Amino acid sequence: MIIMALSYAQKTNDLSMIKQYFQEFDGWAQYLVATTLLPAEQLSTDDFSKPIANHTNLAAKGIIGIACVLSSLGFGLLHAAG
């Protein structure tokens, strides 16, 4: 949802979705910052046998999510300024 909201805002210059859900995005970003670099044991569609820890795919997705929240914030500030 974070990626889609940023993409929508960038394409339409409509910040309403970012504004409406910013508290949720911020909460998700805080969770991602705390857990992304060393993901705990989780099930993944890439592994059909058992939960695994330190899954690179999950870490990469977390980093992308954090970047999108930061970009959303920056895009909103730039848009508001000018």
N, C-alpha and C. Protein backbone atom coordinates (compact mmCIF):
# COMPACT_ATOMS: atom_id res chain seq x y z
N MET A 1 0.82 -1.19 0.00
CA MET A 1 0.00 0.00 0.00
C MET A 1 0.87 1.26 0.00
N ILE A 2 1.98 1.21 0.69
CA ILE A 2 2.88 2.37 0.73
C ILE A 2 3.38 2.69 -0.68
N ILE A 3 3.81 1.67 -1.39
CA ILE A 3 4.34 1.86 -2.75
C ILE A 3 3.25 2.41 -3.67
N MET A 4 2.06 1.86 -3.58
CA MET A 4 0.97 2.31 -4.45
C MET A 4 0.56 3.75 -4.14
N ALA A 5 0.52 4.11 -2.87
CA ALA A 5 0.14 5.47 -2.49
C ALA A 5 1.16 6.48 -3.01
N LEU A 6 2.45 6.15 -2.90
CA LEU A 6 3.49 7.05 -3.41
C LEU A 6 3.39 7.16 -4.93
N SER A 7 3.22 6.04 -5.59
CA SER A 7 3.11 6.05 -7.05
C SER A 7 1.92 6.90 -7.50
N TYR A 8 0.79 6.71 -6.85
CA TYR A 8 -0.41 7.49 -7.18
C TYR A 8 -0.15 8.99 -6.99
N ALA A 9 0.44 9.35 -5.87
CA ALA A 9 0.71 10.77 -5.59
C ALA A 9 1.67 11.36 -6.61
N GLN A 10 2.69 10.60 -6.99
CA GLN A 10 3.66 11.10 -7.96
C GLN A 10 3.04 11.29 -9.34
N LYS A 11 2.15 10.40 -9.72
CA LYS A 11 1.55 10.46 -11.06
C LYS A 11 0.44 11.51 -11.16
N THR A 12 -0.27 11.75 -10.06
CA THR A 12 -1.44 12.62 -10.11
C THR A 12 -1.26 13.94 -9.37
N ASN A 13 -0.20 14.07 -8.59
CA ASN A 13 -0.01 15.22 -7.70
C ASN A 13 -1.14 15.36 -6.69
N ASP A 14 -1.80 14.27 -6.39
CA ASP A 14 -2.88 14.22 -5.41
C ASP A 14 -2.34 13.58 -4.13
N LEU A 15 -2.20 14.38 -3.08
CA LEU A 15 -1.63 13.89 -1.83
C LEU A 15 -2.67 13.38 -0.84
N SER A 16 -3.93 13.31 -1.26
CA SER A 16 -4.99 12.96 -0.31
C SER A 16 -4.79 11.58 0.31
N MET A 17 -4.33 10.60 -0.46
CA MET A 17 -4.14 9.26 0.09
C MET A 17 -2.98 9.25 1.10
N ILE A 18 -1.91 9.96 0.78
CA ILE A 18 -0.78 10.03 1.72
C ILE A 18 -1.21 10.72 3.00
N LYS A 19 -1.96 11.80 2.88
CA LYS A 19 -2.44 12.51 4.07
C LYS A 19 -3.40 11.64 4.88
N GLN A 20 -4.30 10.95 4.20
CA GLN A 20 -5.31 10.14 4.89
C GLN A 20 -4.68 8.99 5.67
N TYR A 21 -3.67 8.37 5.10
CA TYR A 21 -3.10 7.17 5.70
C TYR A 21 -1.71 7.38 6.29
N PHE A 22 -1.29 8.63 6.46
CA PHE A 22 0.08 8.87 6.90
C PHE A 22 0.38 8.24 8.26
N GLN A 23 -0.56 8.26 9.17
CA GLN A 23 -0.31 7.64 10.49
C GLN A 23 -0.03 6.14 10.35
N GLU A 24 -0.77 5.47 9.48
CA GLU A 24 -0.53 4.05 9.23
C GLU A 24 0.83 3.84 8.57
N PHE A 25 1.14 4.66 7.56
CA PHE A 25 2.44 4.56 6.89
C PHE A 25 3.58 4.77 7.87
N ASP A 26 3.42 5.75 8.75
CA ASP A 26 4.45 6.02 9.74
C ASP A 26 4.62 4.83 10.68
N GLY A 27 3.52 4.25 11.11
CA GLY A 27 3.58 3.06 11.97
C GLY A 27 4.27 1.90 11.28
N TRP A 28 3.94 1.67 10.02
CA TRP A 28 4.58 0.60 9.26
C TRP A 28 6.06 0.88 9.10
N ALA A 29 6.40 2.14 8.82
CA ALA A 29 7.81 2.51 8.65
C ALA A 29 8.58 2.27 9.94
N GLN A 30 8.01 2.62 11.09
CA GLN A 30 8.68 2.38 12.37
C GLN A 30 8.92 0.89 12.58
N TYR A 31 7.92 0.09 12.24
CA TYR A 31 8.07 -1.37 12.35
C TYR A 31 9.17 -1.86 11.42
N LEU A 32 9.18 -1.37 10.18
CA LEU A 32 10.19 -1.80 9.21
C LEU A 32 11.60 -1.40 9.63
N VAL A 33 11.74 -0.20 10.17
CA VAL A 33 13.05 0.25 10.65
C VAL A 33 13.56 -0.69 11.75
N ALA A 34 12.66 -1.12 12.60
CA ALA A 34 13.04 -1.97 13.73
C ALA A 34 13.32 -3.42 13.32
N THR A 35 12.70 -3.89 12.24
CA THR A 35 12.77 -5.33 11.94
C THR A 35 13.37 -5.70 10.59
N THR A 36 13.63 -4.74 9.73
CA THR A 36 14.00 -5.07 8.35
C THR A 36 15.37 -5.71 8.20
N LEU A 37 16.38 -5.21 8.86
CA LEU A 37 17.72 -5.71 8.58
C LEU A 37 17.92 -7.17 8.97
N LEU A 38 17.26 -7.60 10.01
CA LEU A 38 17.31 -9.01 10.42
C LEU A 38 15.90 -9.53 10.64
N PRO A 39 15.19 -9.85 9.56
CA PRO A 39 13.81 -10.34 9.72
C PRO A 39 13.76 -11.60 10.57
N ALA A 40 12.78 -11.66 11.45
CA ALA A 40 12.60 -12.85 12.29
C ALA A 40 12.10 -14.00 11.42
N GLU A 41 12.00 -15.16 12.01
CA GLU A 41 11.49 -16.30 11.26
C GLU A 41 10.07 -16.01 10.77
N GLN A 42 9.89 -16.05 9.47
CA GLN A 42 8.60 -15.78 8.85
C GLN A 42 8.38 -16.73 7.69
N LEU A 43 7.11 -16.97 7.42
CA LEU A 43 6.77 -17.73 6.22
C LEU A 43 6.90 -16.80 5.02
N SER A 44 7.31 -17.35 3.93
CA SER A 44 7.46 -16.58 2.70
C SER A 44 6.97 -17.42 1.54
N THR A 45 6.45 -16.79 0.53
CA THR A 45 6.02 -17.54 -0.64
C THR A 45 7.20 -18.12 -1.39
N ASP A 46 8.41 -17.66 -1.07
CA ASP A 46 9.61 -18.18 -1.71
C ASP A 46 10.09 -19.48 -1.07
N ASP A 47 9.54 -19.82 0.09
CA ASP A 47 9.97 -21.03 0.79
C ASP A 47 8.73 -21.77 1.25
N PHE A 48 8.44 -22.89 0.61
CA PHE A 48 7.20 -23.61 0.90
C PHE A 48 7.36 -24.68 1.97
N SER A 49 8.52 -24.73 2.60
CA SER A 49 8.72 -25.81 3.57
C SER A 49 8.55 -25.37 5.01
N LYS A 50 9.09 -24.23 5.39
CA LYS A 50 9.06 -23.83 6.80
C LYS A 50 9.40 -22.35 6.92
N PRO A 51 9.14 -21.75 8.08
CA PRO A 51 9.58 -20.37 8.29
C PRO A 51 11.10 -20.28 8.31
N ILE A 52 11.63 -19.18 7.80
CA ILE A 52 13.08 -18.98 7.83
C ILE A 52 13.38 -17.58 8.34
N ALA A 53 14.56 -17.44 8.94
CA ALA A 53 15.00 -16.14 9.46
C ALA A 53 15.96 -15.50 8.48
N ASN A 54 16.14 -14.21 8.63
CA ASN A 54 17.10 -13.44 7.83
C ASN A 54 16.89 -13.62 6.33
N HIS A 55 15.66 -13.60 5.92
CA HIS A 55 15.29 -13.80 4.52
C HIS A 55 15.60 -12.52 3.73
N THR A 56 16.53 -12.60 2.80
CA THR A 56 16.98 -11.44 2.03
C THR A 56 15.82 -10.77 1.30
N ASN A 57 14.91 -11.56 0.75
CA ASN A 57 13.76 -11.02 0.04
C ASN A 57 12.92 -10.12 0.94
N LEU A 58 12.70 -10.54 2.17
CA LEU A 58 11.91 -9.73 3.10
C LEU A 58 12.66 -8.46 3.49
N ALA A 59 13.96 -8.57 3.66
CA ALA A 59 14.76 -7.39 3.99
C ALA A 59 14.72 -6.38 2.85
N ALA A 60 14.82 -6.85 1.61
CA ALA A 60 14.78 -5.94 0.46
C ALA A 60 13.42 -5.25 0.38
N LYS A 61 12.35 -5.99 0.60
CA LYS A 61 11.01 -5.39 0.58
C LYS A 61 10.86 -4.35 1.69
N GLY A 62 11.43 -4.63 2.86
CA GLY A 62 11.37 -3.67 3.96
C GLY A 62 12.11 -2.39 3.63
N ILE A 63 13.27 -2.52 3.02
CA ILE A 63 14.05 -1.33 2.64
C ILE A 63 13.28 -0.50 1.62
N ILE A 64 12.65 -1.15 0.66
CA ILE A 64 11.84 -0.44 -0.34
C ILE A 64 10.68 0.28 0.35
N GLY A 65 10.04 -0.38 1.31
CA GLY A 65 8.93 0.24 2.04
C GLY A 65 9.38 1.48 2.81
N ILE A 66 10.51 1.39 3.48
CA ILE A 66 11.05 2.55 4.21
C ILE A 66 11.34 3.69 3.25
N ALA A 67 11.96 3.37 2.12
CA ALA A 67 12.28 4.39 1.13
C ALA A 67 11.02 5.07 0.60
N CYS A 68 9.96 4.30 0.42
CA CYS A 68 8.70 4.88 -0.07
C CYS A 68 8.08 5.82 0.95
N VAL A 69 8.13 5.46 2.22
CA VAL A 69 7.59 6.36 3.24
C VAL A 69 8.38 7.66 3.27
N LEU A 70 9.70 7.55 3.22
CA LEU A 70 10.53 8.75 3.20
C LEU A 70 10.28 9.57 1.94
N SER A 71 10.13 8.92 0.81
CA SER A 71 9.84 9.63 -0.44
C SER A 71 8.46 10.30 -0.38
N SER A 72 7.50 9.62 0.22
CA SER A 72 6.16 10.20 0.37
C SER A 72 6.22 11.49 1.19
N LEU A 73 6.98 11.43 2.27
CA LEU A 73 7.13 12.59 3.12
C LEU A 73 7.81 13.72 2.35
N GLY A 74 8.90 13.40 1.66
CA GLY A 74 9.62 14.41 0.88
C GLY A 74 8.78 14.95 -0.26
N PHE A 75 8.05 14.09 -0.95
CA PHE A 75 7.19 14.52 -2.05
C PHE A 75 6.11 15.45 -1.53
N GLY A 76 5.54 15.12 -0.39
CA GLY A 76 4.51 15.98 0.20
C GLY A 76 5.05 17.34 0.59
N LEU A 77 6.23 17.36 1.16
CA LEU A 77 6.84 18.65 1.55
C LEU A 77 7.18 19.49 0.33
N LEU A 78 7.75 18.85 -0.70
CA LEU A 78 8.08 19.60 -1.92
C LEU A 78 6.82 20.12 -2.60
N HIS A 79 5.79 19.30 -2.62
CA HIS A 79 4.54 19.68 -3.26
C HIS A 79 3.90 20.85 -2.50
N ALA A 80 3.95 20.79 -1.18
CA ALA A 80 3.35 21.85 -0.37
C ALA A 80 4.12 23.16 -0.51
N ALA A 81 5.43 23.06 -0.72
CA ALA A 81 6.26 24.26 -0.82
C ALA A 81 6.15 24.96 -2.18
N GLY A 82 5.69 24.20 -3.15
CA GLY A 82 5.75 24.91 -4.35
C GLY A 82 5.13 24.63 -5.57
